[in-house]
N, C-alpha and C. Protein backbone atom coordinates (compact mmCIF):
# COMPACT_ATOMS: atom_id res chain seq x y z
N UNK A 1 -23.58 -17.57 -25.30
CA UNK A 1 -24.37 -16.99 -24.13
C UNK A 1 -24.81 -18.17 -23.32
N UNK A 2 -24.79 -19.77 -23.46
CA UNK A 2 -25.01 -20.67 -22.58
C UNK A 2 -23.94 -20.72 -21.76
N UNK A 3 -22.57 -20.65 -22.23
CA UNK A 3 -21.53 -20.76 -21.37
C UNK A 3 -21.65 -19.67 -20.33
N UNK A 4 -21.86 -18.27 -20.80
CA UNK A 4 -22.12 -17.14 -19.96
C UNK A 4 -23.06 -17.53 -18.69
N UNK A 5 -24.25 -18.24 -19.06
CA UNK A 5 -25.14 -18.24 -18.05
C UNK A 5 -24.65 -19.34 -17.07
N UNK A 6 -24.04 -20.59 -17.63
CA UNK A 6 -23.54 -21.34 -16.55
C UNK A 6 -22.48 -20.87 -15.86
N UNK A 7 -21.44 -20.19 -16.41
CA UNK A 7 -20.39 -19.51 -15.51
C UNK A 7 -21.23 -18.58 -14.35
N UNK A 8 -22.10 -17.91 -14.74
CA UNK A 8 -22.73 -17.13 -13.85
C UNK A 8 -23.49 -17.87 -12.68
N UNK A 9 -24.02 -19.00 -13.11
CA UNK A 9 -24.84 -20.07 -12.00
C UNK A 9 -23.57 -20.45 -11.10
N UNK A 10 -22.40 -20.73 -11.49
CA UNK A 10 -21.32 -21.20 -10.82
C UNK A 10 -20.74 -20.10 -9.83
N UNK A 11 -20.98 -18.68 -9.93
CA UNK A 11 -20.78 -17.74 -9.08
C UNK A 11 -21.46 -18.03 -7.71
N UNK A 12 -22.69 -18.47 -7.62
CA UNK A 12 -23.20 -18.69 -6.61
C UNK A 12 -23.32 -20.25 -6.09
N UNK A 13 -22.80 -21.00 -6.65
CA UNK A 13 -22.34 -22.36 -6.45
C UNK A 13 -21.15 -22.87 -6.81
N UNK A 14 -20.07 -22.40 -6.50
CA UNK A 14 -18.56 -22.72 -6.83
C UNK A 14 -18.23 -24.13 -6.72
N UNK A 15 -18.94 -24.93 -5.55
CA UNK A 15 -18.76 -26.11 -5.42
C UNK A 15 -18.97 -27.03 -6.62
N UNK A 16 -19.83 -26.57 -7.55
CA UNK A 16 -20.23 -27.49 -8.77
C UNK A 16 -19.19 -27.35 -9.69
N UNK A 17 -17.97 -26.47 -9.61
CA UNK A 17 -17.10 -26.58 -10.52
C UNK A 17 -16.23 -28.00 -10.24
N UNK A 18 -16.28 -28.40 -9.06
CA UNK A 18 -15.92 -29.55 -8.83
C UNK A 18 -16.16 -30.80 -9.62
N UNK A 19 -17.42 -30.63 -9.94
CA UNK A 19 -18.17 -31.70 -10.82
C UNK A 19 -17.53 -31.97 -12.35
N UNK A 20 -16.64 -30.88 -12.63
CA UNK A 20 -16.06 -30.66 -14.00
C UNK A 20 -14.57 -31.34 -13.96
N UNK A 21 -14.23 -32.28 -15.06
CA UNK A 21 -12.98 -32.91 -15.24
C UNK A 21 -12.35 -33.37 -13.99
N UNK A 22 -11.07 -33.29 -13.90
CA UNK A 22 -10.28 -33.82 -12.79
C UNK A 22 -9.77 -32.73 -12.14
N UNK A 23 -9.42 -33.01 -10.84
CA UNK A 23 -8.92 -32.12 -9.78
C UNK A 23 -7.53 -31.69 -10.24
N UNK A 24 -7.32 -30.53 -10.29
CA UNK A 24 -6.02 -30.10 -10.75
C UNK A 24 -5.01 -30.19 -9.41
N UNK A 25 -3.73 -30.13 -9.56
CA UNK A 25 -2.81 -29.93 -8.58
C UNK A 25 -3.22 -28.70 -7.52
N UNK A 26 -3.43 -28.90 -6.37
CA UNK A 26 -3.93 -27.95 -5.37
C UNK A 26 -3.10 -26.69 -5.53
N UNK A 27 -1.87 -26.82 -5.90
CA UNK A 27 -1.08 -25.43 -5.76
C UNK A 27 -1.57 -24.55 -7.09
N UNK A 28 -2.18 -25.17 -8.18
CA UNK A 28 -2.94 -24.36 -9.07
C UNK A 28 -3.81 -23.70 -8.68
N UNK A 29 -4.82 -24.54 -8.17
CA UNK A 29 -6.03 -24.04 -7.47
C UNK A 29 -5.90 -22.98 -6.45
N UNK A 30 -4.70 -23.15 -5.58
CA UNK A 30 -4.40 -22.00 -4.50
C UNK A 30 -3.80 -20.83 -5.25
N UNK A 31 -3.19 -20.79 -6.19
CA UNK A 31 -2.55 -19.97 -7.03
C UNK A 31 -3.88 -19.03 -7.80
N UNK A 32 -4.64 -19.75 -8.08
CA UNK A 32 -5.98 -19.37 -8.99
C UNK A 32 -6.70 -18.51 -7.83
N UNK A 33 -6.68 -18.89 -6.61
CA UNK A 33 -7.44 -18.19 -5.65
C UNK A 33 -6.83 -16.86 -5.14
N UNK A 34 -5.35 -17.16 -5.05
CA UNK A 34 -4.47 -15.74 -4.68
C UNK A 34 -4.89 -14.73 -5.89
N UNK A 35 -4.70 -15.09 -7.05
CA UNK A 35 -4.90 -14.19 -8.17
C UNK A 35 -6.47 -13.49 -7.75
N UNK A 36 -7.47 -14.40 -7.71
CA UNK A 36 -8.68 -13.76 -7.29
C UNK A 36 -8.71 -12.67 -6.22
N UNK A 37 -8.08 -13.09 -5.08
CA UNK A 37 -7.81 -12.29 -3.94
C UNK A 37 -7.01 -10.69 -4.49
N UNK A 38 -6.17 -10.97 -5.23
CA UNK A 38 -5.60 -9.89 -5.82
C UNK A 38 -6.43 -8.73 -6.50
N UNK A 39 -7.19 -9.49 -7.37
CA UNK A 39 -8.13 -8.63 -7.92
C UNK A 39 -9.33 -8.01 -7.14
N UNK A 40 -9.66 -8.66 -6.09
CA UNK A 40 -10.62 -8.10 -4.93
C UNK A 40 -9.75 -6.90 -4.42
N UNK A 41 -8.76 -7.00 -3.97
CA UNK A 41 -7.84 -6.07 -3.34
C UNK A 41 -7.75 -4.87 -4.36
N UNK A 42 -7.52 -5.08 -5.55
CA UNK A 42 -7.62 -3.79 -6.50
C UNK A 42 -8.83 -3.24 -6.53
N UNK A 43 -9.92 -4.14 -6.78
CA UNK A 43 -11.25 -3.57 -6.64
C UNK A 43 -11.37 -2.70 -5.42
N UNK A 44 -11.14 -3.13 -4.20
CA UNK A 44 -11.28 -2.33 -3.18
C UNK A 44 -10.59 -1.19 -3.18
N UNK A 45 -9.23 -1.11 -3.57
CA UNK A 45 -8.43 0.14 -3.64
C UNK A 45 -9.01 1.06 -4.66
N UNK A 46 -9.78 0.55 -5.89
CA UNK A 46 -10.26 1.48 -6.81
C UNK A 46 -11.61 2.12 -6.30
N UNK A 47 -12.28 1.48 -5.47
CA UNK A 47 -13.39 1.86 -4.71
C UNK A 47 -13.04 2.86 -3.62
N UNK A 48 -12.15 2.49 -3.03
CA UNK A 48 -11.58 3.51 -1.85
C UNK A 48 -11.07 4.77 -2.57
N UNK A 49 -10.46 4.62 -3.69
CA UNK A 49 -9.85 5.87 -4.48
C UNK A 49 -11.06 6.82 -5.14
N UNK A 50 -12.14 6.05 -5.49
CA UNK A 50 -13.15 6.84 -6.09
C UNK A 50 -13.77 7.60 -4.85
N UNK A 51 -13.98 7.00 -3.79
CA UNK A 51 -14.65 7.76 -2.66
C UNK A 51 -13.63 8.77 -2.19
N UNK A 52 -12.32 8.46 -2.15
CA UNK A 52 -11.48 9.71 -1.74
C UNK A 52 -11.53 10.79 -2.52
N UNK A 53 -11.45 10.63 -4.04
CA UNK A 53 -11.62 11.69 -4.83
C UNK A 53 -12.67 12.56 -4.62
N UNK A 54 -13.92 11.77 -4.34
CA UNK A 54 -15.13 12.69 -4.11
C UNK A 54 -15.18 13.31 -2.90
N UNK A 55 -14.69 12.79 -1.85
CA UNK A 55 -14.70 13.22 -0.61
C UNK A 55 -13.50 14.40 0.03
N UNK A 56 -12.24 13.90 -0.62
CA UNK A 56 -11.20 14.87 -0.14
C UNK A 56 -10.71 15.73 -0.94
N UNK A 57 -11.14 15.96 -2.47
CA UNK A 57 -10.85 16.85 -3.32
C UNK A 57 -12.14 17.68 -3.53
N UNK A 58 -12.65 18.44 -2.78
CA UNK A 58 -13.67 19.46 -2.76
C UNK A 58 -13.27 20.61 -3.81
N UNK A 59 -12.19 20.91 -4.03
CA UNK A 59 -11.73 22.16 -4.79
C UNK A 59 -11.63 21.80 -6.29
N UNK A 60 -12.02 20.58 -6.54
CA UNK A 60 -12.14 20.24 -8.21
C UNK A 60 -13.20 20.72 -8.71
N UNK A 61 -13.54 21.17 -9.61
CA UNK A 61 -14.67 21.42 -10.23
C UNK A 61 -15.65 20.18 -10.14
N UNK A 62 -16.85 20.45 -9.91
CA UNK A 62 -17.87 19.23 -9.54
C UNK A 62 -17.84 18.18 -10.56
N UNK A 63 -17.97 18.67 -11.92
CA UNK A 63 -17.88 17.73 -13.06
C UNK A 63 -16.51 16.86 -13.10
N UNK A 64 -15.45 17.54 -13.05
CA UNK A 64 -14.27 16.78 -12.95
C UNK A 64 -14.17 15.83 -11.86
N UNK A 65 -14.44 16.17 -10.56
CA UNK A 65 -14.42 15.35 -9.15
C UNK A 65 -15.35 14.29 -9.54
N UNK A 66 -16.51 14.51 -9.93
CA UNK A 66 -17.58 13.39 -10.04
C UNK A 66 -17.18 12.29 -11.12
N UNK A 67 -16.59 13.16 -12.17
CA UNK A 67 -15.99 12.04 -13.37
C UNK A 67 -15.06 11.16 -12.86
N UNK A 68 -13.88 11.74 -12.21
CA UNK A 68 -12.91 11.11 -11.81
C UNK A 68 -13.46 9.89 -10.73
N UNK A 69 -14.21 10.35 -9.68
CA UNK A 69 -14.75 9.33 -8.89
C UNK A 69 -15.53 8.39 -9.63
N UNK A 70 -16.47 8.78 -10.30
CA UNK A 70 -17.11 7.55 -10.96
C UNK A 70 -16.41 6.63 -11.80
N UNK A 71 -15.27 7.39 -12.78
CA UNK A 71 -14.61 6.39 -13.32
C UNK A 71 -13.81 5.25 -12.38
N UNK A 72 -13.33 5.64 -11.25
CA UNK A 72 -12.67 4.76 -10.44
C UNK A 72 -13.66 3.80 -9.66
N UNK A 73 -14.87 4.37 -9.25
CA UNK A 73 -15.83 3.58 -8.61
C UNK A 73 -16.30 2.30 -9.73
N UNK A 74 -16.70 2.76 -10.96
CA UNK A 74 -17.00 1.89 -11.93
C UNK A 74 -16.00 0.74 -12.45
N UNK A 75 -14.57 1.20 -12.19
CA UNK A 75 -13.47 0.33 -12.46
C UNK A 75 -13.56 -0.73 -11.31
N UNK A 76 -13.73 -0.24 -10.23
CA UNK A 76 -13.68 -1.10 -8.99
C UNK A 76 -14.97 -2.02 -9.01
N UNK A 77 -15.94 -1.77 -9.48
CA UNK A 77 -17.13 -2.71 -9.51
C UNK A 77 -16.66 -3.66 -10.72
N UNK A 78 -16.30 -3.40 -11.82
CA UNK A 78 -16.11 -4.30 -12.77
C UNK A 78 -14.94 -5.11 -12.50
N UNK A 79 -13.90 -4.70 -11.82
CA UNK A 79 -12.78 -5.45 -11.10
C UNK A 79 -13.11 -6.50 -10.53
N UNK A 80 -14.23 -6.11 -9.48
CA UNK A 80 -14.82 -7.40 -8.55
C UNK A 80 -15.56 -8.17 -9.27
N UNK A 81 -16.41 -7.96 -10.27
CA UNK A 81 -17.05 -8.86 -11.17
C UNK A 81 -16.24 -9.64 -12.00
N UNK A 82 -15.04 -9.09 -12.44
CA UNK A 82 -14.16 -9.76 -13.25
C UNK A 82 -13.61 -10.81 -12.46
N UNK A 83 -13.14 -10.53 -11.16
CA UNK A 83 -12.39 -11.62 -10.37
C UNK A 83 -13.09 -12.81 -10.27
N UNK A 84 -14.45 -12.75 -9.85
CA UNK A 84 -15.26 -13.98 -9.83
C UNK A 84 -15.25 -14.71 -11.31
N UNK A 85 -15.55 -14.03 -12.33
CA UNK A 85 -15.63 -14.60 -13.51
C UNK A 85 -14.31 -15.22 -13.88
N UNK A 86 -13.33 -14.55 -13.78
CA UNK A 86 -12.04 -15.00 -14.11
C UNK A 86 -11.54 -16.38 -13.21
N UNK A 87 -12.02 -16.33 -11.76
CA UNK A 87 -11.69 -17.53 -11.04
C UNK A 87 -12.31 -18.74 -11.61
N UNK A 88 -13.52 -18.72 -11.94
CA UNK A 88 -14.30 -19.74 -12.48
C UNK A 88 -13.83 -20.27 -13.73
N UNK A 89 -13.49 -19.31 -14.77
CA UNK A 89 -12.98 -19.62 -15.93
C UNK A 89 -11.65 -20.45 -15.91
N UNK A 90 -10.93 -19.70 -14.99
CA UNK A 90 -9.44 -20.56 -14.82
C UNK A 90 -9.76 -22.00 -14.28
N UNK A 91 -10.58 -21.94 -13.14
CA UNK A 91 -10.90 -23.32 -12.59
C UNK A 91 -11.33 -24.37 -13.47
N UNK A 92 -12.22 -23.97 -14.29
CA UNK A 92 -12.75 -24.68 -15.29
C UNK A 92 -11.62 -25.37 -16.19
N UNK A 93 -11.05 -24.17 -16.84
CA UNK A 93 -10.04 -24.62 -17.65
C UNK A 93 -9.10 -25.66 -17.10
N UNK A 94 -8.52 -25.31 -15.98
CA UNK A 94 -7.58 -26.42 -15.33
C UNK A 94 -8.06 -27.78 -15.20
N UNK A 95 -9.25 -27.73 -14.80
CA UNK A 95 -9.96 -29.17 -14.52
C UNK A 95 -10.14 -30.00 -15.92
N UNK A 96 -10.51 -29.14 -17.04
CA UNK A 96 -10.73 -29.60 -18.35
C UNK A 96 -9.18 -29.90 -19.09
N UNK A 97 -8.36 -29.51 -18.39
CA UNK A 97 -6.81 -29.51 -19.09
C UNK A 97 -6.88 -28.74 -20.41
N UNK A 98 -7.41 -27.51 -20.25
CA UNK A 98 -7.41 -26.56 -21.40
C UNK A 98 -6.61 -25.43 -21.37
N UNK A 99 -6.30 -24.74 -22.23
CA UNK A 99 -5.38 -23.50 -21.90
C UNK A 99 -6.40 -22.45 -21.12
N UNK A 100 -5.48 -21.75 -20.54
CA UNK A 100 -6.03 -20.73 -19.45
C UNK A 100 -6.65 -19.50 -20.25
N UNK A 101 -7.85 -19.06 -19.82
CA UNK A 101 -8.46 -18.01 -20.56
C UNK A 101 -7.74 -16.80 -20.57
N UNK A 102 -7.73 -16.21 -21.89
CA UNK A 102 -7.11 -14.72 -21.74
C UNK A 102 -8.17 -13.67 -21.84
N UNK A 103 -7.78 -12.41 -21.37
CA UNK A 103 -8.99 -11.24 -21.49
C UNK A 103 -8.05 -10.02 -21.78
N UNK A 104 -9.11 -9.04 -22.28
CA UNK A 104 -8.59 -7.56 -22.53
C UNK A 104 -8.71 -6.91 -21.32
N UNK A 105 -9.35 -7.20 -20.20
CA UNK A 105 -9.88 -6.52 -19.27
C UNK A 105 -8.64 -5.79 -18.34
N UNK A 106 -7.48 -6.64 -18.28
CA UNK A 106 -6.34 -5.93 -17.56
C UNK A 106 -5.97 -4.68 -18.26
N UNK A 107 -5.93 -4.86 -19.70
CA UNK A 107 -5.47 -3.56 -20.55
C UNK A 107 -6.68 -2.36 -20.37
N UNK A 108 -7.75 -2.78 -20.42
CA UNK A 108 -8.80 -1.71 -20.10
C UNK A 108 -8.78 -1.03 -19.03
N UNK A 109 -8.71 -1.81 -17.85
CA UNK A 109 -8.41 -1.36 -16.39
C UNK A 109 -7.17 -0.58 -16.39
N UNK A 110 -6.15 -0.84 -16.89
CA UNK A 110 -5.02 -0.24 -16.85
C UNK A 110 -5.13 1.13 -17.57
N UNK A 111 -5.85 1.29 -18.73
CA UNK A 111 -6.14 2.52 -19.52
C UNK A 111 -7.06 3.31 -18.54
N UNK A 112 -7.94 2.85 -18.00
CA UNK A 112 -8.80 3.75 -17.07
C UNK A 112 -8.07 4.28 -15.83
N UNK A 113 -7.55 3.48 -15.37
CA UNK A 113 -6.38 3.97 -14.14
C UNK A 113 -5.38 5.09 -14.73
N UNK A 114 -5.00 4.94 -15.95
CA UNK A 114 -4.07 5.87 -16.45
C UNK A 114 -4.74 7.03 -16.87
N UNK A 115 -5.81 7.05 -17.38
CA UNK A 115 -6.77 8.27 -17.73
C UNK A 115 -6.83 9.13 -16.26
N UNK A 116 -7.43 8.45 -15.37
CA UNK A 116 -7.66 9.04 -14.04
C UNK A 116 -6.45 9.55 -13.47
N UNK A 117 -5.25 8.81 -13.50
CA UNK A 117 -4.21 9.50 -12.94
C UNK A 117 -3.41 10.59 -13.80
N UNK A 118 -3.56 10.57 -15.30
CA UNK A 118 -3.11 11.69 -15.94
C UNK A 118 -3.94 12.84 -15.77
N UNK A 119 -5.30 12.76 -15.52
CA UNK A 119 -6.12 14.11 -15.27
C UNK A 119 -5.62 14.49 -13.87
N UNK A 120 -5.55 13.69 -12.90
CA UNK A 120 -5.25 14.11 -11.58
C UNK A 120 -3.72 14.86 -11.77
N UNK A 121 -2.75 14.36 -12.35
CA UNK A 121 -1.60 14.73 -12.52
C UNK A 121 -1.66 16.17 -13.42
N UNK A 122 -2.66 16.35 -14.19
CA UNK A 122 -2.54 17.53 -14.96
C UNK A 122 -3.21 18.75 -14.03
N UNK A 123 -4.43 18.25 -13.09
CA UNK A 123 -4.78 19.22 -12.07
C UNK A 123 -3.71 19.57 -11.11
N UNK A 124 -3.00 18.70 -10.66
CA UNK A 124 -1.88 19.04 -9.66
C UNK A 124 -0.74 19.90 -10.34
N UNK A 125 -0.38 19.46 -11.47
CA UNK A 125 0.63 20.17 -11.90
C UNK A 125 0.37 21.55 -12.43
N UNK A 126 -0.94 21.74 -13.09
CA UNK A 126 -1.47 23.08 -13.47
C UNK A 126 -1.91 24.08 -12.25
N UNK A 127 -1.93 23.25 -10.97
CA UNK A 127 -2.62 23.92 -10.02
C UNK A 127 -3.93 24.54 -10.06
N UNK A 128 -4.56 23.96 -10.85
CA UNK A 128 -6.12 24.27 -11.17
C UNK A 128 -7.06 23.55 -10.37
N UNK A 129 -7.34 23.79 -9.17
CA UNK A 129 -8.44 23.04 -8.47
C UNK A 129 -9.82 23.50 -8.82
N UNK A 130 -10.05 24.67 -9.05
CA UNK A 130 -11.31 25.33 -9.18
C UNK A 130 -11.68 25.86 -10.60
C-alpha cells in the first residue's frame, strides 16, 4: 500500500523519479515514454469508440448500446490511468536496475475489447439492430 501511495504521488511530481537510483540510458527512458504515449493513444481510441457506439448506433437496443459504450469508455479510462502507473513503475525499475514490472492489464484490456468486438460482430452478422 505504501508503494502505491508513493507511485500515486509521483503521478503529479514525475521529476521526483529522478531522485531514485541512477539515470538510465536516455534511449530506454524515451522508449518508456513512447510506450506511455501508445497507451494514451489506445485510451483515446477506446473513449472515441465508446462515444461512437453510443451516438452512431441508435438502432441497437438501449441496454446493448449503453453496455457496449460503457465497456469501451471504462476500458479507455483504465487504460489512461494504467499508462501513467506503468510509466512510473518502469522508470523507477530502470533507475534501480530492477526487472521491469509485468501486469495482467494488457490481457484484461484485450478481453474487454474482444467481448465488445464479438458482441458487435454478432449484431452485424445477425442483422439485429433493434
